[in-house]
Amino acid sequence: MTEPSTGTDTTQLKTTARRKGDRYVIDGQKVWISRVQHSDLMILLARTTPLAAVKRKSEGMSVFIVDLADAIGKGLTVRPIRNMVNHETNELFFSALEIPAENLIGEEGKGFKYILDGLNAERTLIAAECIGDGYWFVERATRYAGERVVFGRPIGKNQGVAFPIAEAYMEVEAANLMRFKACALFDRGEPCGAEANMAKHLAAKAAWEAANVCLQTHGGFGFAAEYDVERKFRETRLYLVAPISTNLILSYVAEHILGLPRSF
């Protein structure tokens, strides 16, 4: 879905899918597309009707399944992106890639609606991942604070060390409750956009705060690769940015829940 020139402004995407008999011809570019080199299939969002020809900018986009084995080197070029986290992600270039028309998911022109529905599941999934990270940081910080002895006593005996760990734990627990609420609504097929967005935001924030506490608790050893703290610290920072930025979640809550004027 993500493109270098549009980011989260999805309705402005430039990748096109043009019908040609029993095929669609794909042209365009995507970026930050994960696990392409480890997957068999990819879900692709492309514009099938020009933006100028639709009544609403959210119309005219369609979703397709792309068989990667048939596409790579035959119209699809994959360029890995080196990045600061242990995560395989890529830039994709489509040049007259042909896929069967039967690879269209649902109805042509309604792809944006389908994608939005899936994003609620994605938000809760990322929230769950962040919560797992948060518990990991809290467990590591707690263990180290109990074992590390300075001035003749465990550093966890000092409130200046213990209290931040306790607060980080409470933040993760609170985010976990919102995660479960979002999941319960999604499983029942009920609207869960607000809860899914809030779960992702709270969990990402809690995990990042727990990461900071864990690194601080370990002191200099937190920067040593053997402890894994520095690696997880870098990876956890990602989720305040992706797959949806903090500011867009705050905008969603402000507009759709609190009824404040739309900011963009």
Protein backbone atom coordinates (compact mmCIF):
# COMPACT_ATOMS: atom_id res chain seq x y z
CA MET A 1 0.00 0.00 0.00
CA THR A 2 2.73 2.51 0.95
CA GLU A 3 4.37 4.59 -1.77
CA PRO A 4 7.38 6.93 -1.58
CA SER A 5 5.51 10.02 -2.75
CA THR A 6 2.28 9.57 -0.79
CA GLY A 7 3.07 7.83 2.53
CA THR A 8 -0.13 7.51 4.54
CA ASP A 9 -2.08 9.69 2.07
CA THR A 10 -3.27 6.46 0.45
CA THR A 11 -5.93 7.96 -1.82
CA GLN A 12 -3.19 9.75 -3.75
CA LEU A 13 -1.27 6.57 -4.62
CA LYS A 14 0.27 6.49 -8.09
CA THR A 15 0.50 2.75 -8.81
CA THR A 16 -2.02 1.81 -11.50
CA ALA A 17 -3.66 -1.42 -12.67
CA ARG A 18 -4.99 -1.22 -16.23
CA ARG A 19 -7.34 -3.90 -17.57
CA LYS A 20 -6.06 -5.58 -20.75
CA GLY A 21 -8.31 -8.42 -21.81
CA ASP A 22 -8.04 -11.18 -19.22
CA ARG A 23 -5.07 -9.48 -17.56
CA TYR A 24 -4.25 -6.41 -15.48
CA VAL A 25 -1.08 -4.45 -16.25
CA ILE A 26 0.60 -2.97 -13.16
CA ASP A 27 2.88 0.08 -13.21
CA GLY A 28 4.19 2.02 -10.22
CA GLN A 29 6.30 1.87 -7.10
CA LYS A 30 5.90 0.80 -3.47
CA VAL A 31 8.15 1.23 -0.44
CA TRP A 32 8.54 -0.30 3.05
CA ILE A 33 7.01 -3.58 1.89
CA SER A 34 7.90 -6.29 4.37
CA ARG A 35 8.96 -9.91 3.86
CA VAL A 36 8.71 -9.92 0.07
CA GLN A 37 11.73 -12.24 -0.13
CA HIS A 38 10.17 -14.69 2.33
CA SER A 39 6.60 -14.77 0.98
CA ASP A 40 4.72 -16.52 -1.80
CA LEU A 41 1.91 -14.01 -2.27
CA MET A 42 1.48 -10.27 -1.92
CA ILE A 43 -1.67 -8.16 -1.58
CA LEU A 44 -1.40 -5.08 -3.78
CA LEU A 45 -3.49 -1.90 -3.73
CA ALA A 46 -3.53 -0.02 -7.04
CA ARG A 47 -5.64 2.61 -8.74
CA THR A 48 -7.88 1.17 -11.48
CA THR A 49 -9.80 4.40 -12.17
CA PRO A 50 -7.95 7.72 -12.45
CA LEU A 51 -8.40 10.04 -9.47
CA ALA A 52 -9.89 12.72 -11.70
CA ALA A 53 -12.61 10.32 -12.87
CA VAL A 54 -14.08 9.36 -9.46
CA LYS A 55 -16.56 11.26 -7.29
CA ARG A 56 -14.77 10.46 -4.03
CA LYS A 57 -10.99 10.13 -3.79
CA SER A 58 -11.38 6.87 -1.87
CA GLU A 59 -13.06 5.27 -4.91
CA GLY A 60 -11.35 3.73 -7.94
CA MET A 61 -8.75 1.64 -6.11
CA SER A 62 -8.63 -2.14 -6.25
CA VAL A 63 -6.91 -4.97 -4.41
CA PHE A 64 -5.03 -7.80 -6.14
CA ILE A 65 -3.14 -10.94 -5.21
CA VAL A 66 0.30 -11.07 -6.81
CA ASP A 67 2.12 -14.40 -7.15
CA LEU A 68 5.66 -13.31 -6.34
CA ALA A 69 7.32 -16.28 -8.06
CA ASP A 70 5.62 -15.27 -11.31
CA ALA A 71 6.22 -11.55 -10.84
CA ILE A 72 9.82 -11.02 -9.65
CA GLY A 73 12.05 -10.46 -12.65
CA LYS A 74 9.06 -10.36 -14.98
CA GLY A 75 7.90 -6.81 -14.35
CA LEU A 76 8.53 -6.61 -10.61
CA THR A 77 11.91 -5.55 -9.27
CA VAL A 78 12.66 -5.89 -5.54
CA ARG A 79 15.27 -3.69 -3.89
CA PRO A 80 16.01 -4.41 -0.19
CA ILE A 81 16.22 -1.41 2.15
CA ARG A 82 18.97 -1.44 4.76
CA ASN A 83 17.52 -0.11 7.99
CA MET A 84 18.23 0.21 11.70
CA VAL A 85 16.03 -2.68 12.83
CA ASN A 86 16.18 -6.44 12.32
CA HIS A 87 13.37 -6.43 9.79
CA GLU A 88 13.39 -7.34 6.11
CA THR A 89 11.70 -4.60 4.09
CA ASN A 90 11.87 -3.53 0.47
CA GLU A 91 11.24 -1.03 -2.28
CA LEU A 92 9.25 -2.42 -5.22
CA PHE A 93 9.18 -1.29 -8.85
CA PHE A 94 6.39 -2.39 -11.19
CA SER A 95 6.94 -2.02 -14.92
CA ALA A 96 4.19 -3.47 -17.12
CA LEU A 97 3.71 -6.41 -14.76
CA GLU A 98 0.85 -8.56 -16.02
CA ILE A 99 -1.31 -10.56 -13.62
CA PRO A 100 -4.48 -12.60 -14.33
CA ALA A 101 -7.75 -10.67 -14.03
CA GLU A 102 -8.98 -13.39 -11.65
CA ASN A 103 -6.40 -12.12 -9.12
CA LEU A 104 -8.70 -9.19 -8.38
CA ILE A 105 -10.01 -9.40 -4.80
CA GLY A 106 -13.68 -8.45 -4.47
CA GLU A 107 -15.06 -5.76 -6.77
CA GLU A 108 -12.99 -3.39 -8.85
CA GLY A 109 -12.89 0.12 -7.40
CA LYS A 110 -13.73 -0.87 -3.82
CA GLY A 111 -10.25 -1.81 -2.69
CA PHE A 112 -9.76 1.09 -0.29
CA LYS A 113 -12.75 -0.07 1.76
CA TYR A 114 -11.34 -3.61 1.93
CA ILE A 115 -7.92 -2.35 3.02
CA LEU A 116 -9.38 -0.15 5.76
CA ASP A 117 -11.24 -3.12 7.24
CA GLY A 118 -8.01 -5.09 7.41
CA LEU A 119 -6.14 -2.24 9.09
CA ASN A 120 -8.09 -2.73 12.33
CA ALA A 121 -6.69 -6.25 12.58
CA GLU A 122 -3.22 -4.91 11.78
CA ARG A 123 -3.43 -2.29 14.53
CA THR A 124 -4.34 -4.90 17.16
CA LEU A 125 -1.66 -7.28 15.88
CA ILE A 126 1.02 -4.59 16.23
CA ALA A 127 -0.37 -3.70 19.66
CA ALA A 128 0.09 -7.33 20.71
CA GLU A 129 3.66 -7.31 19.43
CA CYS A 130 4.43 -4.10 21.34
CA ILE A 131 2.91 -5.53 24.51
CA GLY A 132 5.12 -8.59 24.18
CA ASP A 133 8.12 -6.28 23.79
CA GLY A 134 7.00 -4.29 26.83
CA TYR A 135 6.80 -7.39 29.02
CA TRP A 136 10.22 -8.49 27.76
CA PHE A 137 11.79 -5.17 28.75
CA VAL A 138 10.12 -5.18 32.16
CA GLU A 139 11.22 -8.78 32.84
CA ARG A 140 14.81 -8.06 31.80
CA ALA A 141 14.96 -4.84 33.81
CA THR A 142 13.48 -6.55 36.89
CA ARG A 143 15.89 -9.46 36.69
CA TYR A 144 18.94 -7.23 36.26
CA ALA A 145 17.83 -4.87 39.05
CA GLY A 146 17.58 -7.84 41.39
CA GLU A 147 20.94 -9.32 40.44
CA ARG A 148 23.17 -6.31 39.93
CA VAL A 149 24.90 -5.35 43.18
CA VAL A 150 26.38 -1.87 43.64
CA PHE A 151 27.40 -0.32 46.97
CA GLY A 152 26.80 -3.66 48.62
CA ARG A 153 23.12 -4.07 47.65
CA PRO A 154 20.94 -4.89 44.61
CA ILE A 155 20.21 -1.76 42.57
CA GLY A 156 16.51 -2.71 42.60
CA LYS A 157 16.45 -1.84 46.28
CA ASN A 158 16.70 1.82 45.26
CA GLN A 159 13.34 3.44 44.53
CA GLY A 160 14.95 5.46 41.75
CA VAL A 161 15.50 2.15 39.93
CA ALA A 162 12.44 0.22 41.10
CA PHE A 163 9.76 2.85 40.56
CA PRO A 164 10.36 3.41 36.81
CA ILE A 165 10.19 -0.36 36.24
CA ALA A 166 6.94 -0.57 38.20
CA GLU A 167 5.43 2.30 36.23
CA ALA A 168 6.50 0.74 32.93
CA TYR A 169 4.79 -2.50 33.96
CA MET A 170 1.54 -0.68 34.75
CA GLU A 171 1.58 1.11 31.39
CA VAL A 172 2.02 -2.19 29.54
CA GLU A 173 -0.79 -3.80 31.54
CA ALA A 174 -3.15 -0.90 30.74
CA ALA A 175 -2.31 -1.07 27.03
CA ASN A 176 -2.96 -4.80 27.12
CA LEU A 177 -6.52 -4.21 28.32
CA MET A 178 -7.23 -1.93 25.35
CA ARG A 179 -5.70 -4.53 23.06
CA PHE A 180 -8.08 -7.19 24.35
CA LYS A 181 -11.04 -4.83 24.03
CA ALA A 182 -10.17 -4.11 20.39
CA CYS A 183 -9.72 -7.83 19.68
CA ALA A 184 -13.05 -8.72 21.29
CA LEU A 185 -14.90 -6.15 19.18
CA PHE A 186 -13.14 -7.29 16.00
CA ASP A 187 -13.92 -10.96 16.69
CA ARG A 188 -17.61 -10.08 17.11
CA GLY A 189 -17.63 -8.18 13.83
CA GLU A 190 -18.40 -4.89 15.59
CA PRO A 191 -16.87 -1.46 14.80
CA CYS A 192 -13.45 -1.27 16.44
CA GLY A 193 -11.56 1.48 14.63
CA ALA A 194 -11.22 3.66 17.71
CA GLU A 195 -10.17 0.82 20.00
CA ALA A 196 -7.73 -0.64 17.45
CA ASN A 197 -6.05 2.73 16.96
CA MET A 198 -5.89 3.45 20.68
CA ALA A 199 -4.53 -0.03 21.41
CA LYS A 200 -1.73 0.43 18.90
CA HIS A 201 -0.85 3.88 20.22
CA LEU A 202 -0.90 2.93 23.90
CA ALA A 203 1.02 -0.30 23.35
CA ALA A 204 3.71 1.33 21.19
CA LYS A 205 4.12 4.11 23.74
CA ALA A 206 4.25 1.68 26.68
CA ALA A 207 6.79 -0.54 24.93
CA TRP A 208 9.04 2.41 24.14
CA GLU A 209 8.90 3.67 27.71
CA ALA A 210 9.70 0.16 28.97
CA ALA A 211 12.62 0.02 26.54
CA ASN A 212 14.02 3.26 27.94
CA VAL A 213 13.63 2.00 31.51
CA CYS A 214 15.32 -1.30 30.65
CA LEU A 215 18.26 0.40 28.98
CA GLN A 216 18.64 2.83 31.86
CA THR A 217 18.49 0.01 34.41
CA HIS A 218 21.29 -1.84 32.67
CA GLY A 219 23.45 1.26 32.47
CA GLY A 220 26.48 0.75 30.26
CA PHE A 221 25.70 -2.94 29.81
CA GLY A 222 22.45 -1.95 28.07
CA PHE A 223 24.57 -0.92 25.09
CA ALA A 224 26.40 -4.24 24.92
CA ALA A 225 25.10 -6.50 22.16
CA GLU A 226 25.33 -9.63 24.35
CA TYR A 227 22.41 -8.42 26.50
CA ASP A 228 20.07 -7.91 23.49
CA VAL A 229 18.68 -4.74 25.09
CA GLU A 230 20.15 -2.39 22.49
CA ARG A 231 18.72 -4.49 19.65
CA LYS A 232 15.22 -4.61 21.07
CA PHE A 233 15.50 -0.93 21.99
CA ARG A 234 16.07 -0.01 18.34
CA GLU A 235 13.36 -2.29 17.03
CA THR A 236 10.71 -1.09 19.46
CA ARG A 237 11.18 2.53 18.36
CA LEU A 238 9.74 1.58 14.97
CA TYR A 239 6.19 1.24 16.24
CA LEU A 240 5.79 4.89 17.16
CA VAL A 241 6.18 5.51 13.41
CA ALA A 242 4.77 2.45 11.66
CA PRO A 243 2.49 1.05 10.45
CA ILE A 244 0.66 4.25 11.37
CA SER A 245 2.24 7.30 12.94
CA THR A 246 1.34 8.62 16.38
CA ASN A 247 0.08 11.91 14.96
CA LEU A 248 -2.42 10.24 12.63
CA ILE A 249 -3.86 8.21 15.50
CA LEU A 250 -4.22 11.36 17.59
CA SER A 251 -5.93 13.05 14.63
CA TYR A 252 -8.32 10.11 14.31
CA VAL A 253 -9.28 10.20 17.98
CA ALA A 254 -9.67 13.97 17.97
CA GLU A 255 -11.95 13.98 14.93
CA HIS A 256 -13.90 10.73 15.07
CA ILE A 257 -14.26 10.28 18.83
CA LEU A 258 -14.08 13.78 20.31
CA GLY A 259 -15.79 15.51 17.39
CA LEU A 260 -13.09 18.12 16.86
CA PRO A 261 -12.59 19.72 13.41
CA ARG A 262 -10.68 17.68 10.83
CA SER A 263 -7.04 18.78 10.72
CA PHE A 264 -6.18 17.60 7.21
